[in-house]
N, C-alpha and C. Protein backbone atom coordinates (compact mmCIF):
# COMPACT_ATOMS: atom_id res chain seq x y z
N MET A 1 -21.61 -4.60 62.58
CA MET A 1 -22.97 -4.78 62.09
C MET A 1 -23.18 -6.26 61.76
N PRO A 2 -24.29 -6.84 62.22
CA PRO A 2 -24.55 -8.24 61.89
C PRO A 2 -24.84 -8.38 60.40
N GLN A 3 -24.68 -9.58 59.90
CA GLN A 3 -24.96 -9.83 58.49
C GLN A 3 -26.45 -9.78 58.21
N THR A 4 -26.80 -9.28 57.04
CA THR A 4 -28.18 -9.28 56.57
C THR A 4 -28.16 -9.66 55.09
N LEU A 5 -29.26 -10.21 54.62
CA LEU A 5 -29.39 -10.51 53.21
C LEU A 5 -29.91 -9.26 52.53
N GLY A 6 -29.11 -8.65 51.67
CA GLY A 6 -29.47 -7.39 51.06
C GLY A 6 -30.35 -7.52 49.84
N ALA A 7 -30.02 -8.50 48.96
CA ALA A 7 -30.77 -8.64 47.72
C ALA A 7 -30.61 -10.06 47.19
N VAL A 8 -31.57 -10.45 46.38
CA VAL A 8 -31.55 -11.73 45.67
C VAL A 8 -31.82 -11.41 44.21
N THR A 9 -31.08 -12.04 43.31
CA THR A 9 -31.27 -11.81 41.89
C THR A 9 -32.45 -12.62 41.37
N LEU A 10 -33.31 -11.97 40.61
CA LEU A 10 -34.41 -12.63 39.92
C LEU A 10 -34.21 -12.38 38.42
N VAL A 11 -33.99 -13.45 37.67
CA VAL A 11 -33.79 -13.31 36.23
C VAL A 11 -35.15 -13.06 35.58
N VAL A 12 -35.21 -11.99 34.78
CA VAL A 12 -36.47 -11.57 34.16
C VAL A 12 -36.29 -11.47 32.64
N ARG A 13 -37.41 -11.47 31.94
CA ARG A 13 -37.40 -11.34 30.48
C ARG A 13 -37.21 -9.88 30.06
N ASP A 14 -37.82 -8.97 30.82
CA ASP A 14 -37.82 -7.56 30.45
C ASP A 14 -37.88 -6.72 31.73
N TYR A 15 -37.03 -5.71 31.81
CA TYR A 15 -37.00 -4.87 33.01
C TYR A 15 -38.35 -4.22 33.29
N ASP A 16 -38.91 -3.55 32.29
CA ASP A 16 -40.10 -2.74 32.52
C ASP A 16 -41.33 -3.58 32.87
N GLU A 17 -41.50 -4.75 32.24
CA GLU A 17 -42.64 -5.58 32.59
C GLU A 17 -42.49 -6.14 34.00
N ALA A 18 -41.27 -6.43 34.40
CA ALA A 18 -41.02 -6.93 35.76
C ALA A 18 -41.27 -5.82 36.79
N ILE A 19 -40.79 -4.62 36.51
CA ILE A 19 -41.05 -3.49 37.41
C ILE A 19 -42.56 -3.29 37.55
N ALA A 20 -43.28 -3.30 36.45
CA ALA A 20 -44.73 -3.09 36.50
C ALA A 20 -45.41 -4.14 37.37
N PHE A 21 -45.00 -5.40 37.25
CA PHE A 21 -45.61 -6.45 38.07
C PHE A 21 -45.33 -6.22 39.55
N PHE A 22 -44.07 -6.05 39.90
CA PHE A 22 -43.72 -5.96 41.31
C PHE A 22 -44.22 -4.67 41.96
N VAL A 23 -44.19 -3.58 41.24
CA VAL A 23 -44.63 -2.30 41.81
C VAL A 23 -46.15 -2.16 41.74
N ASP A 24 -46.73 -2.38 40.56
CA ASP A 24 -48.17 -2.14 40.39
C ASP A 24 -49.05 -3.24 40.97
N ARG A 25 -48.64 -4.48 40.84
CA ARG A 25 -49.49 -5.58 41.32
C ARG A 25 -49.20 -6.00 42.75
N LEU A 26 -47.91 -6.03 43.13
CA LEU A 26 -47.58 -6.47 44.48
C LEU A 26 -47.36 -5.31 45.45
N GLY A 27 -47.25 -4.09 44.94
CA GLY A 27 -47.07 -2.94 45.82
C GLY A 27 -45.66 -2.75 46.32
N PHE A 28 -44.68 -3.36 45.64
CA PHE A 28 -43.29 -3.17 46.02
C PHE A 28 -42.88 -1.73 45.71
N VAL A 29 -41.76 -1.33 46.27
CA VAL A 29 -41.17 -0.01 46.04
C VAL A 29 -39.98 -0.18 45.11
N GLN A 30 -39.90 0.67 44.10
CA GLN A 30 -38.72 0.66 43.23
C GLN A 30 -37.64 1.46 43.92
N VAL A 31 -36.55 0.81 44.23
CA VAL A 31 -35.46 1.42 44.97
C VAL A 31 -34.44 2.08 44.03
N GLU A 32 -34.20 1.41 42.90
CA GLU A 32 -33.17 1.92 41.99
C GLU A 32 -33.44 1.44 40.57
N ASP A 33 -33.07 2.25 39.61
CA ASP A 33 -33.09 1.89 38.20
C ASP A 33 -31.99 2.70 37.52
N THR A 34 -30.80 2.14 37.51
CA THR A 34 -29.63 2.84 37.00
C THR A 34 -29.17 2.22 35.69
N PRO A 35 -29.07 3.03 34.62
CA PRO A 35 -28.57 2.50 33.34
C PRO A 35 -27.10 2.06 33.47
N LEU A 36 -26.78 0.96 32.82
CA LEU A 36 -25.42 0.45 32.78
C LEU A 36 -25.00 0.30 31.32
N GLU A 37 -23.77 -0.06 31.09
CA GLU A 37 -23.27 -0.25 29.73
C GLU A 37 -23.99 -1.41 29.04
N GLY A 38 -24.05 -1.34 27.73
CA GLY A 38 -24.60 -2.42 26.95
C GLY A 38 -26.11 -2.61 27.07
N GLY A 39 -26.82 -1.55 27.47
CA GLY A 39 -28.27 -1.64 27.59
C GLY A 39 -28.75 -2.31 28.85
N LYS A 40 -27.84 -2.68 29.74
CA LYS A 40 -28.23 -3.29 31.01
C LYS A 40 -28.66 -2.19 31.98
N ARG A 41 -29.38 -2.62 33.00
CA ARG A 41 -29.82 -1.70 34.06
C ARG A 41 -29.65 -2.39 35.40
N TRP A 42 -29.41 -1.59 36.43
CA TRP A 42 -29.37 -2.07 37.81
C TRP A 42 -30.72 -1.70 38.40
N VAL A 43 -31.63 -2.69 38.44
CA VAL A 43 -33.01 -2.45 38.86
C VAL A 43 -33.26 -3.21 40.16
N VAL A 44 -33.64 -2.46 41.19
CA VAL A 44 -33.88 -3.04 42.51
C VAL A 44 -35.27 -2.65 42.99
N VAL A 45 -36.02 -3.65 43.45
CA VAL A 45 -37.33 -3.44 44.08
C VAL A 45 -37.34 -4.18 45.41
N ARG A 46 -38.25 -3.75 46.30
CA ARG A 46 -38.39 -4.47 47.58
C ARG A 46 -39.79 -4.24 48.12
N PRO A 47 -40.23 -5.13 48.99
CA PRO A 47 -41.54 -4.94 49.61
C PRO A 47 -41.58 -3.61 50.36
N ALA A 48 -42.74 -2.99 50.38
CA ALA A 48 -42.90 -1.69 51.04
C ALA A 48 -42.54 -1.74 52.51
N GLY A 49 -42.70 -2.90 53.14
CA GLY A 49 -42.39 -3.04 54.56
C GLY A 49 -40.94 -3.32 54.85
N GLY A 50 -40.10 -3.41 53.83
CA GLY A 50 -38.67 -3.65 54.04
C GLY A 50 -38.30 -5.10 53.76
N GLY A 51 -37.15 -5.47 54.26
CA GLY A 51 -36.64 -6.81 54.03
C GLY A 51 -35.69 -6.82 52.85
N ALA A 52 -35.33 -8.02 52.42
CA ALA A 52 -34.40 -8.16 51.31
C ALA A 52 -35.01 -7.61 50.02
N SER A 53 -34.16 -7.12 49.17
CA SER A 53 -34.58 -6.58 47.87
C SER A 53 -34.42 -7.63 46.79
N LEU A 54 -35.08 -7.38 45.67
CA LEU A 54 -34.90 -8.18 44.47
C LEU A 54 -34.13 -7.35 43.45
N LEU A 55 -33.04 -7.91 42.94
CA LEU A 55 -32.33 -7.31 41.82
C LEU A 55 -32.92 -7.95 40.57
N LEU A 56 -33.61 -7.17 39.77
CA LEU A 56 -34.23 -7.67 38.55
C LEU A 56 -33.20 -7.64 37.45
N ALA A 57 -32.75 -8.82 37.02
CA ALA A 57 -31.67 -8.93 36.05
C ALA A 57 -32.22 -9.52 34.76
N ARG A 58 -32.18 -8.73 33.69
CA ARG A 58 -32.67 -9.22 32.40
C ARG A 58 -31.77 -10.34 31.89
N ALA A 59 -32.40 -11.42 31.44
CA ALA A 59 -31.65 -12.54 30.87
C ALA A 59 -30.80 -12.04 29.72
N ALA A 60 -29.52 -12.38 29.74
CA ALA A 60 -28.58 -11.87 28.75
C ALA A 60 -28.12 -12.93 27.75
N ALA A 61 -28.57 -14.16 27.94
CA ALA A 61 -28.17 -15.26 27.04
C ALA A 61 -29.29 -16.30 27.03
N ASP A 62 -29.27 -17.17 26.05
CA ASP A 62 -30.30 -18.20 25.94
C ASP A 62 -30.38 -19.07 27.19
N GLU A 63 -29.24 -19.42 27.76
CA GLU A 63 -29.23 -20.25 28.97
C GLU A 63 -29.95 -19.54 30.12
N GLN A 64 -29.73 -18.25 30.28
CA GLN A 64 -30.42 -17.49 31.32
C GLN A 64 -31.90 -17.36 31.00
N ALA A 65 -32.23 -17.08 29.75
CA ALA A 65 -33.63 -16.94 29.35
C ALA A 65 -34.42 -18.22 29.62
N ALA A 66 -33.77 -19.35 29.48
CA ALA A 66 -34.44 -20.64 29.73
C ALA A 66 -34.81 -20.81 31.20
N GLN A 67 -34.18 -20.06 32.09
CA GLN A 67 -34.45 -20.18 33.52
C GLN A 67 -35.50 -19.18 34.03
N VAL A 68 -35.90 -18.25 33.19
CA VAL A 68 -36.92 -17.28 33.61
C VAL A 68 -38.18 -18.05 33.97
N GLY A 69 -38.68 -17.81 35.16
CA GLY A 69 -39.87 -18.49 35.64
C GLY A 69 -39.59 -19.81 36.33
N ARG A 70 -38.33 -20.21 36.38
CA ARG A 70 -37.97 -21.49 37.01
C ARG A 70 -36.81 -21.28 37.98
N GLN A 71 -36.83 -20.18 38.68
CA GLN A 71 -35.75 -19.83 39.60
C GLN A 71 -35.45 -20.95 40.59
N ALA A 72 -36.47 -21.68 41.01
CA ALA A 72 -36.28 -22.73 42.02
C ALA A 72 -36.74 -24.10 41.51
N GLY A 73 -36.71 -24.28 40.20
CA GLY A 73 -37.05 -25.57 39.64
C GLY A 73 -38.48 -26.01 39.88
N GLY A 74 -39.40 -25.05 39.99
CA GLY A 74 -40.81 -25.38 40.20
C GLY A 74 -41.25 -25.38 41.64
N ARG A 75 -40.34 -25.22 42.56
CA ARG A 75 -40.68 -25.12 43.99
C ARG A 75 -40.98 -23.67 44.35
N VAL A 76 -41.57 -23.46 45.50
CA VAL A 76 -41.74 -22.09 46.00
C VAL A 76 -40.34 -21.52 46.24
N ALA A 77 -40.10 -20.36 45.65
CA ALA A 77 -38.78 -19.75 45.73
C ALA A 77 -38.73 -18.59 46.71
N PHE A 78 -39.85 -17.90 46.87
CA PHE A 78 -39.86 -16.65 47.63
C PHE A 78 -41.00 -16.67 48.63
N PHE A 79 -40.78 -16.06 49.78
CA PHE A 79 -41.74 -16.08 50.88
C PHE A 79 -42.02 -14.64 51.29
N LEU A 80 -43.17 -14.14 50.87
CA LEU A 80 -43.56 -12.75 51.12
C LEU A 80 -44.42 -12.72 52.38
N HIS A 81 -43.85 -12.21 53.46
CA HIS A 81 -44.56 -12.12 54.73
C HIS A 81 -45.44 -10.88 54.76
N THR A 82 -46.58 -11.00 55.42
CA THR A 82 -47.51 -9.89 55.57
C THR A 82 -48.06 -9.87 56.99
N ASP A 83 -48.53 -8.71 57.40
CA ASP A 83 -49.19 -8.61 58.71
C ASP A 83 -50.70 -8.75 58.57
N ASP A 84 -51.21 -8.83 57.33
CA ASP A 84 -52.64 -8.99 57.09
C ASP A 84 -52.84 -9.79 55.79
N PHE A 85 -52.91 -11.10 55.94
CA PHE A 85 -53.01 -11.99 54.79
C PHE A 85 -54.20 -11.64 53.92
N TRP A 86 -55.38 -11.49 54.52
CA TRP A 86 -56.60 -11.30 53.73
C TRP A 86 -56.61 -9.98 52.99
N ARG A 87 -56.08 -8.94 53.59
CA ARG A 87 -55.96 -7.64 52.90
C ARG A 87 -55.13 -7.80 51.64
N ASP A 88 -53.96 -8.42 51.79
CA ASP A 88 -53.06 -8.55 50.64
C ASP A 88 -53.59 -9.56 49.62
N HIS A 89 -54.20 -10.62 50.07
CA HIS A 89 -54.78 -11.61 49.14
C HIS A 89 -55.85 -10.93 48.28
N ARG A 90 -56.73 -10.16 48.90
CA ARG A 90 -57.78 -9.45 48.14
C ARG A 90 -57.15 -8.44 47.18
N ALA A 91 -56.19 -7.68 47.65
CA ALA A 91 -55.55 -6.66 46.80
C ALA A 91 -54.84 -7.31 45.62
N PHE A 92 -54.08 -8.35 45.88
CA PHE A 92 -53.36 -9.03 44.80
C PHE A 92 -54.33 -9.60 43.78
N THR A 93 -55.37 -10.26 44.27
CA THR A 93 -56.36 -10.86 43.37
C THR A 93 -57.02 -9.79 42.51
N SER A 94 -57.35 -8.66 43.12
CA SER A 94 -58.01 -7.59 42.35
C SER A 94 -57.08 -6.98 41.31
N ARG A 95 -55.76 -7.12 41.51
CA ARG A 95 -54.79 -6.59 40.55
C ARG A 95 -54.30 -7.65 39.56
N GLY A 96 -54.96 -8.81 39.57
CA GLY A 96 -54.64 -9.83 38.58
C GLY A 96 -53.55 -10.81 38.94
N VAL A 97 -53.12 -10.84 40.20
CA VAL A 97 -52.14 -11.83 40.62
C VAL A 97 -52.83 -13.19 40.64
N ARG A 98 -52.17 -14.21 40.10
CA ARG A 98 -52.75 -15.54 39.96
C ARG A 98 -52.32 -16.43 41.13
N PHE A 99 -53.30 -16.77 41.97
CA PHE A 99 -53.04 -17.71 43.06
C PHE A 99 -53.21 -19.12 42.52
N LEU A 100 -52.33 -20.01 42.94
CA LEU A 100 -52.30 -21.38 42.45
C LEU A 100 -53.06 -22.33 43.36
N GLU A 101 -53.54 -21.83 44.47
CA GLU A 101 -54.27 -22.64 45.44
C GLU A 101 -55.11 -21.74 46.32
N ALA A 102 -56.05 -22.36 47.01
CA ALA A 102 -56.87 -21.62 47.98
C ALA A 102 -56.03 -21.36 49.24
N PRO A 103 -56.29 -20.26 49.93
CA PRO A 103 -55.59 -20.01 51.19
C PRO A 103 -55.84 -21.15 52.17
N ARG A 104 -54.83 -21.39 53.00
CA ARG A 104 -54.95 -22.46 53.99
C ARG A 104 -54.26 -22.05 55.29
N ALA A 105 -54.75 -22.64 56.36
CA ALA A 105 -54.15 -22.41 57.68
C ALA A 105 -53.17 -23.55 57.95
N GLU A 106 -51.95 -23.18 58.26
CA GLU A 106 -50.91 -24.14 58.64
C GLU A 106 -50.46 -23.83 60.06
N ALA A 107 -49.69 -24.71 60.64
CA ALA A 107 -49.20 -24.49 62.01
C ALA A 107 -48.39 -23.20 62.11
N TYR A 108 -47.74 -22.82 61.02
CA TYR A 108 -46.87 -21.64 61.02
C TYR A 108 -47.58 -20.36 60.58
N GLY A 109 -48.82 -20.46 60.03
CA GLY A 109 -49.53 -19.26 59.64
C GLY A 109 -50.51 -19.50 58.51
N THR A 110 -51.11 -18.43 58.02
CA THR A 110 -52.02 -18.47 56.89
C THR A 110 -51.20 -18.25 55.62
N VAL A 111 -51.44 -19.09 54.60
CA VAL A 111 -50.57 -19.08 53.44
C VAL A 111 -51.33 -19.46 52.17
N ALA A 112 -50.87 -18.95 51.04
CA ALA A 112 -51.33 -19.38 49.72
C ALA A 112 -50.20 -19.14 48.74
N VAL A 113 -50.07 -20.03 47.77
CA VAL A 113 -49.04 -19.91 46.75
C VAL A 113 -49.59 -19.11 45.57
N PHE A 114 -48.80 -18.14 45.11
CA PHE A 114 -49.15 -17.40 43.89
C PHE A 114 -47.97 -17.44 42.94
N ALA A 115 -48.24 -17.10 41.68
CA ALA A 115 -47.19 -17.07 40.66
C ALA A 115 -46.91 -15.63 40.28
N ASP A 116 -45.63 -15.33 40.08
CA ASP A 116 -45.30 -14.01 39.54
C ASP A 116 -45.55 -14.02 38.04
N LEU A 117 -45.23 -12.95 37.36
CA LEU A 117 -45.54 -12.83 35.94
C LEU A 117 -44.85 -13.86 35.07
N TYR A 118 -43.81 -14.50 35.58
CA TYR A 118 -43.09 -15.51 34.80
C TYR A 118 -43.41 -16.94 35.24
N GLY A 119 -44.14 -17.08 36.33
CA GLY A 119 -44.49 -18.41 36.81
C GLY A 119 -43.70 -18.87 38.03
N ASN A 120 -42.74 -18.05 38.50
CA ASN A 120 -42.06 -18.40 39.75
C ASN A 120 -43.09 -18.47 40.86
N ARG A 121 -42.92 -19.42 41.74
CA ARG A 121 -43.87 -19.61 42.84
C ARG A 121 -43.43 -18.82 44.08
N TRP A 122 -44.42 -18.18 44.69
CA TRP A 122 -44.24 -17.39 45.90
C TRP A 122 -45.25 -17.85 46.94
N ASP A 123 -44.88 -17.81 48.20
CA ASP A 123 -45.84 -17.93 49.30
C ASP A 123 -46.18 -16.53 49.78
N LEU A 124 -47.48 -16.24 49.84
CA LEU A 124 -47.95 -15.08 50.61
C LEU A 124 -48.29 -15.66 51.96
N ILE A 125 -47.66 -15.18 53.01
CA ILE A 125 -47.83 -15.81 54.32
C ILE A 125 -47.94 -14.77 55.43
N GLN A 126 -48.90 -15.01 56.28
CA GLN A 126 -49.00 -14.24 57.54
C GLN A 126 -48.61 -15.21 58.64
N PRO A 127 -47.37 -15.08 59.13
CA PRO A 127 -46.91 -16.01 60.16
C PRO A 127 -47.73 -15.86 61.45
N ASN A 128 -47.92 -16.99 62.13
CA ASN A 128 -48.52 -16.93 63.46
C ASN A 128 -47.56 -16.22 64.39
N ASP A 129 -48.05 -15.66 65.48
CA ASP A 129 -47.18 -15.02 66.45
C ASP A 129 -46.10 -16.00 66.90
N GLY A 130 -44.89 -15.52 66.95
CA GLY A 130 -43.78 -16.35 67.39
C GLY A 130 -43.17 -17.18 66.27
N ALA A 131 -43.74 -17.11 65.06
CA ALA A 131 -43.20 -17.92 63.95
C ALA A 131 -42.11 -17.20 63.23
């Protein structure tokens, strides 16, 4: 089997508020929520269309808590591909997702940056054919 990226860890402040954002606002699917020792949970969400999952990991120390919302140091960290940019842009906006810029056409597709509930930057992008 070829290698695939299965999941990426996203440090969050609270499991339930993160689940609510990703499932209710972005339309992700909750794949798993398994209790672990010490009040931790193994929480996995992913886009409804598939692809890599996010492991939502609650910050367990001050150093980790300081990184919530700064996963990539202020750069776009995540790239959410869609087959219909305008459908998803309208849906996200109606559910309170905060876009940081107006949509724009680039050589690689239609794109706009939005922030998750903690301020991490995401691209919503509909790639051009062949991109």
